[in-house]
Amino acid sequence: MKVVFMGTPEFSVPVLEALARDHEVVCVYSQPPRPAGRGKKDRPSPVQARAEGLGLPVRHPVSLKSAEAQAEFAALGADVAVVVAYGLILPQPVLDAPRHGCLNIHASLLPRWRGAAPIHRAIMAGDAETGICIMQMEAGLDTGPVLLREAVAIGADETTGQLHDRLSGMGARLIGTALAQLPDLHPEVQAAEGVTYASKIDKSEAQVDWTRPATEVDRLIRGLSPFPGAWCQIGGERVKLLGSHLAEGQGAPGQVLHGLTVACGSGAVAVTLAQREGKKPMAPDAFLRGFTLPDRLV
């Protein structure tokens, strides 16, 4: 099939690679390069970098609202557009241009967790499972009918980064199945009940409140790992907490019970990966070497 691919972050890259193996990718759309790194030089998105490595043409318009941008898109004559975490709203003329429309790969079991941060929110909410949906796109936010879905259990100690990688590979596999079976798939209208929205993660959410129950603290740490990273103050230094699991023990909220096991409002959390400012993430033994914890964290 003649495919237009639209995506931006690392999550989208395995999908692009799979499509490029099995189909004719006539163009790749991605967000424009952004300033990054110490020099704040413009850096292409992971999708743009990989597309250029594959020798594929790349476009990065700041908007698709103009008649000119829409005409350029339609002129590609695509059979289908595959959209994965692209980051721009697709106007109706763009949605209608490909022969089979635009398909979105969404990392949740719709209608749960429509929106920007479905992987983070699923872990932070304590969901037992999530998955991938292949959805026929329409004007609403992740409201279109679902063509294929596959569920997967969320591990008890799994972080957003780990789940992200699993779901990315699953999306690449499932879109291949969807394109192969496209004429025979029957769109399933999303249920009106059970709709939740995965709002974008705000950095103000990231500070750990040790007065909360251990289950909530654990979900926060794992849900915000690796980015933006849950954090707490230790000795006047902001330390990121990037891995954890529930632990035995009880004490005053923030009390260090042993090692990197900390009491919460109820129960305790064992931090399994922590990162000091300017350092690499470290396991507890390495983190504590030469670094004395106070009796209580705030």
Protein backbone atom coordinates (compact mmCIF):
# COMPACT_ATOMS: atom_id res chain seq x y z
CA MET A 1 0.00 0.00 0.00
CA LYS A 2 0.99 3.65 -0.49
CA VAL A 3 1.29 4.95 3.09
CA VAL A 4 1.76 8.39 4.58
CA PHE A 5 3.28 8.11 8.06
CA MET A 6 2.71 10.80 10.69
CA GLY A 7 4.57 10.61 14.01
CA THR A 8 7.14 12.39 16.14
CA PRO A 9 8.60 10.70 19.29
CA GLU A 10 10.62 7.53 19.84
CA PHE A 11 7.38 5.58 20.41
CA SER A 12 6.54 6.01 16.72
CA VAL A 13 9.87 4.81 15.29
CA PRO A 14 9.28 1.00 15.37
CA VAL A 15 6.00 1.56 13.53
CA LEU A 16 7.74 3.56 10.80
CA GLU A 17 10.39 0.86 10.43
CA ALA A 18 7.74 -1.87 10.10
CA LEU A 19 5.78 0.10 7.51
CA ALA A 20 8.91 0.85 5.50
CA ARG A 21 9.67 -2.89 5.31
CA ASP A 22 6.25 -3.96 4.08
CA HIS A 23 4.75 -0.97 2.25
CA GLU A 24 5.61 2.06 0.14
CA VAL A 25 5.97 4.99 2.52
CA VAL A 26 5.45 7.94 0.16
CA CYS A 27 6.05 10.64 2.79
CA VAL A 28 6.71 11.08 6.50
CA TYR A 29 5.20 13.93 8.49
CA SER A 30 6.75 14.90 11.83
CA GLN A 31 6.91 17.86 14.20
CA PRO A 32 9.50 20.50 13.24
CA PRO A 33 13.00 20.31 14.76
CA ARG A 34 13.14 21.82 18.25
CA PRO A 35 16.00 23.37 20.26
CA ALA A 36 17.61 20.70 22.44
CA GLY A 37 20.81 19.94 24.33
CA ARG A 38 23.24 22.33 25.96
CA GLY A 39 23.69 24.40 22.82
CA LYS A 40 19.94 24.59 22.22
CA LYS A 41 20.47 23.80 18.55
CA ASP A 42 17.50 22.60 16.52
CA ARG A 43 17.29 18.82 16.71
CA PRO A 44 15.07 16.73 14.42
CA SER A 45 12.48 14.48 16.04
CA PRO A 46 13.30 10.78 16.42
CA VAL A 47 10.89 10.02 13.56
CA GLN A 48 12.48 12.57 11.22
CA ALA A 49 15.96 11.28 12.01
CA ARG A 50 14.95 7.66 11.33
CA ALA A 51 13.01 8.56 8.18
CA GLU A 52 16.01 10.38 6.76
CA GLY A 53 18.15 7.36 7.63
CA LEU A 54 15.74 5.22 5.61
CA GLY A 55 15.90 7.64 2.69
CA LEU A 56 12.26 8.71 3.03
CA PRO A 57 10.99 12.22 2.23
CA VAL A 58 10.05 14.21 5.35
CA ARG A 59 7.75 17.17 5.84
CA HIS A 60 7.35 19.08 9.09
CA PRO A 61 4.68 21.77 8.67
CA VAL A 62 3.75 23.82 11.75
CA SER A 63 0.08 23.40 10.79
CA LEU A 64 -2.13 21.48 8.35
CA LYS A 65 -4.91 24.06 8.35
CA SER A 66 -3.95 25.89 5.16
CA ALA A 67 -5.42 24.95 1.78
CA GLU A 68 -1.86 24.65 0.43
CA ALA A 69 -0.77 22.13 3.09
CA GLN A 70 -3.94 20.11 2.56
CA ALA A 71 -3.49 20.09 -1.21
CA GLU A 72 0.13 18.90 -0.82
CA PHE A 73 -1.08 16.09 1.42
CA ALA A 74 -3.85 15.02 -0.98
CA ALA A 75 -1.44 15.08 -3.94
CA LEU A 76 0.50 12.20 -2.38
CA GLY A 77 -2.32 9.87 -3.47
CA ALA A 78 -1.97 7.65 -0.40
CA ASP A 79 -4.05 4.55 0.21
CA VAL A 80 -3.89 5.19 3.96
CA ALA A 81 -2.23 7.44 6.53
CA VAL A 82 -0.89 5.90 9.74
CA VAL A 83 -0.71 8.32 12.68
CA VAL A 84 1.22 7.63 15.89
CA ALA A 85 1.74 10.40 18.46
CA TYR A 86 2.11 13.02 15.73
CA GLY A 87 1.16 16.08 17.77
CA LEU A 88 -0.89 18.08 15.26
CA ILE A 89 -4.66 18.12 14.81
CA LEU A 90 -5.66 16.71 11.43
CA PRO A 91 -8.35 18.82 9.70
CA GLN A 92 -11.21 17.00 7.97
CA PRO A 93 -9.75 17.41 4.44
CA VAL A 94 -6.60 15.62 5.62
CA LEU A 95 -8.62 12.86 7.32
CA ASP A 96 -10.58 12.34 4.09
CA ALA A 97 -7.69 12.47 1.62
CA PRO A 98 -6.30 8.88 1.75
CA ARG A 99 -8.42 6.21 0.09
CA HIS A 100 -8.86 4.34 3.41
CA GLY A 101 -8.65 7.43 5.61
CA CYS A 102 -6.29 7.88 8.55
CA LEU A 103 -5.57 5.16 11.13
CA ASN A 104 -4.29 6.02 14.58
CA ILE A 105 -2.27 3.72 16.86
CA HIS A 106 -3.31 4.61 20.40
CA ALA A 107 -1.64 3.19 23.52
CA SER A 108 -4.71 2.40 25.63
CA LEU A 109 -7.87 0.34 25.61
CA LEU A 110 -10.25 2.99 24.31
CA PRO A 111 -12.44 4.67 25.45
CA ARG A 112 -10.24 4.60 28.59
CA TRP A 113 -7.39 7.11 28.47
CA ARG A 114 -8.10 9.16 25.40
CA GLY A 115 -5.57 11.94 25.02
CA ALA A 116 -1.90 12.79 25.39
CA ALA A 117 -0.43 10.58 28.16
CA PRO A 118 -2.26 7.22 28.22
CA ILE A 119 0.73 5.13 29.36
CA HIS A 120 1.62 7.40 32.28
CA ARG A 121 -1.99 7.67 33.40
CA ALA A 122 -2.68 3.93 33.26
CA ILE A 123 0.22 3.21 35.65
CA MET A 124 -0.53 6.17 37.90
CA ALA A 125 -4.16 5.04 38.21
CA GLY A 126 -3.15 1.47 39.11
CA ASP A 127 -4.75 -0.12 36.04
CA ALA A 128 -4.23 -3.88 35.83
CA GLU A 129 -4.03 -3.82 32.03
CA THR A 130 -3.72 -1.57 29.03
CA GLY A 131 -3.10 -2.21 25.35
CA ILE A 132 -3.12 -0.93 21.80
CA CYS A 133 -6.07 0.17 19.69
CA ILE A 134 -5.99 0.73 15.93
CA MET A 135 -8.60 3.43 15.42
CA GLN A 136 -10.19 5.01 12.36
CA MET A 137 -9.60 8.71 12.94
CA GLU A 138 -12.33 11.31 13.00
CA ALA A 139 -12.49 14.93 14.14
CA GLY A 140 -12.93 14.20 17.89
CA LEU A 141 -10.07 13.46 20.29
CA ASP A 142 -9.50 9.68 20.03
CA THR A 143 -13.24 9.13 19.51
CA GLY A 144 -13.15 7.14 16.27
CA PRO A 145 -14.27 3.52 15.83
CA VAL A 146 -11.75 0.82 16.74
CA LEU A 147 -10.63 -1.64 14.06
CA LEU A 148 -8.35 -3.83 16.20
CA ARG A 149 -7.42 -3.96 19.87
CA GLU A 150 -5.05 -6.05 21.97
CA ALA A 151 -4.72 -6.00 25.76
CA VAL A 152 -1.63 -6.58 27.89
CA ALA A 153 -1.16 -6.83 31.66
CA ILE A 154 0.80 -4.10 33.42
CA GLY A 155 3.59 -5.54 35.57
CA ALA A 156 3.55 -4.85 39.31
CA ASP A 157 6.95 -3.06 39.14
CA GLU A 158 6.69 -1.79 35.55
CA THR A 159 7.59 1.81 34.72
CA THR A 160 6.17 3.99 31.98
CA GLY A 161 9.44 3.61 30.07
CA GLN A 162 9.26 -0.18 30.14
CA LEU A 163 5.58 -0.29 29.21
CA HIS A 164 6.18 2.32 26.48
CA ASP A 165 8.69 0.01 24.78
CA ARG A 166 6.38 -3.00 24.96
CA LEU A 167 3.42 -1.08 23.55
CA SER A 168 5.50 0.49 20.80
CA GLY A 169 6.47 -2.94 19.50
CA MET A 170 2.89 -4.15 19.85
CA GLY A 171 1.64 -1.17 17.84
CA ALA A 172 4.08 -1.90 15.03
CA ARG A 173 2.87 -5.50 14.86
CA LEU A 174 -0.82 -4.69 15.13
CA ILE A 175 -0.83 -2.02 12.40
CA GLY A 176 0.70 -4.60 10.05
CA THR A 177 -2.19 -6.94 10.81
CA ALA A 178 -4.71 -4.14 10.35
CA LEU A 179 -3.38 -3.10 6.95
CA ALA A 180 -3.28 -6.71 5.75
CA GLN A 181 -6.92 -7.25 6.80
CA LEU A 182 -8.24 -3.74 6.17
CA PRO A 183 -11.09 -4.58 3.76
CA ASP A 184 -12.40 -7.26 6.14
CA LEU A 185 -12.24 -5.32 9.41
CA HIS A 186 -15.45 -4.13 11.03
CA PRO A 187 -15.14 -0.81 12.91
CA GLU A 188 -16.39 -1.00 16.50
CA VAL A 189 -17.97 2.21 17.79
CA GLN A 190 -16.47 3.15 21.17
CA ALA A 191 -18.69 2.70 24.21
CA ALA A 192 -20.22 5.83 25.71
CA GLU A 193 -19.42 4.56 29.21
CA GLY A 194 -15.94 4.33 30.69
CA VAL A 195 -14.49 7.37 28.94
CA THR A 196 -11.43 8.85 30.69
CA TYR A 197 -8.93 11.46 29.54
CA ALA A 198 -5.16 11.15 29.85
CA SER A 199 -4.19 14.79 30.25
CA LYS A 200 -0.62 15.82 29.52
CA ILE A 201 1.74 15.31 32.45
CA ASP A 202 2.47 18.53 34.32
CA LYS A 203 5.77 18.82 36.18
CA SER A 204 3.86 20.10 39.21
CA GLU A 205 2.57 16.54 39.69
CA ALA A 206 6.04 15.10 40.13
CA GLN A 207 6.93 15.93 43.74
CA VAL A 208 6.43 12.94 46.05
CA ASP A 209 4.05 13.46 48.96
CA TRP A 210 5.09 10.87 51.56
CA THR A 211 1.82 11.37 53.46
CA ARG A 212 -0.02 9.59 50.62
CA PRO A 213 -0.57 5.81 50.79
CA ALA A 214 2.33 3.69 49.58
CA THR A 215 0.28 2.38 46.64
CA GLU A 216 -0.13 5.93 45.31
CA VAL A 217 3.52 6.86 45.86
CA ASP A 218 4.69 3.70 44.10
CA ARG A 219 2.40 4.37 41.12
CA LEU A 220 3.60 7.96 40.89
CA ILE A 221 7.27 6.94 40.85
CA ARG A 222 6.78 4.24 38.23
CA GLY A 223 4.29 6.28 36.21
CA LEU A 224 6.63 9.26 35.86
CA SER A 225 9.74 7.21 35.05
CA PRO A 226 11.80 8.09 33.11
CA PHE A 227 10.20 11.46 32.33
CA PRO A 228 9.67 13.86 33.97
CA GLY A 229 10.68 11.76 36.99
CA ALA A 230 9.08 11.85 40.44
CA TRP A 231 11.32 13.64 42.94
CA CYS A 232 11.88 14.57 46.54
CA GLN A 233 14.30 16.79 48.41
CA ILE A 234 17.21 15.05 50.16
CA GLY A 235 19.64 17.27 51.99
CA GLY A 236 18.62 20.30 49.95
CA GLU A 237 19.14 18.41 46.68
CA ARG A 238 16.38 17.40 44.28
CA VAL A 239 16.63 13.65 43.73
CA LYS A 240 14.66 11.81 41.08
CA LEU A 241 13.07 8.49 42.02
CA LEU A 242 12.81 6.30 38.92
CA GLY A 243 11.88 2.82 40.15
CA SER A 244 10.07 1.35 43.13
CA HIS A 245 7.93 -1.39 44.59
CA LEU A 246 5.76 -1.78 47.67
CA ALA A 247 7.62 -2.88 50.80
CA GLU A 248 7.01 -4.12 54.32
CA GLY A 249 7.22 -1.61 57.12
CA GLN A 250 5.46 1.29 58.78
CA GLY A 251 6.54 4.59 60.27
CA ALA A 252 5.97 8.32 60.15
CA PRO A 253 5.50 9.59 56.57
CA GLY A 254 8.91 10.11 54.98
CA GLN A 255 10.79 8.11 57.64
CA VAL A 256 13.71 6.18 56.17
CA LEU A 257 13.20 2.65 57.46
CA HIS A 258 16.34 1.11 55.93
CA GLY A 259 18.33 1.59 52.73
CA LEU A 260 16.02 3.42 50.34
CA THR A 261 12.82 2.05 51.89
CA VAL A 262 10.62 4.93 53.01
CA ALA A 263 7.44 4.96 55.09
CA CYS A 264 4.36 6.58 53.59
CA GLY A 265 0.98 7.64 54.98
CA SER A 266 0.23 3.92 55.08
CA GLY A 267 2.70 1.19 54.16
CA ALA A 268 6.14 1.75 52.66
CA VAL A 269 7.89 2.01 49.32
CA ALA A 270 11.30 0.63 48.40
CA VAL A 271 13.02 2.89 45.86
CA THR A 272 14.95 0.72 43.39
CA LEU A 273 16.45 3.43 41.16
CA ALA A 274 17.39 7.00 42.11
CA GLN A 275 19.23 9.83 40.39
CA ARG A 276 21.10 12.74 41.97
CA GLU A 277 21.49 16.02 40.11
CA GLY A 278 24.13 15.68 37.40
CA LYS A 279 24.53 11.93 38.01
CA LYS A 280 23.32 8.78 36.31
CA PRO A 281 20.44 6.71 37.73
CA MET A 282 21.75 4.31 40.37
CA ALA A 283 20.57 1.25 42.29
CA PRO A 284 20.22 1.76 46.08
CA ASP A 285 23.64 0.39 47.07
CA ALA A 286 25.49 2.65 44.62
CA PHE A 287 23.29 5.63 45.42
CA LEU A 288 23.91 5.37 49.16
CA ARG A 289 27.66 4.99 48.81
CA GLY A 290 29.07 8.25 50.17
CA PHE A 291 25.63 9.81 50.50
CA THR A 292 24.02 9.91 53.93
CA LEU A 293 20.24 10.06 54.10
CA PRO A 294 18.47 12.02 56.80
CA ASP A 295 16.20 10.07 59.14
CA ARG A 296 13.18 11.51 57.37
CA LEU A 297 12.49 12.71 53.82
CA VAL A 298 10.18 15.62 53.06
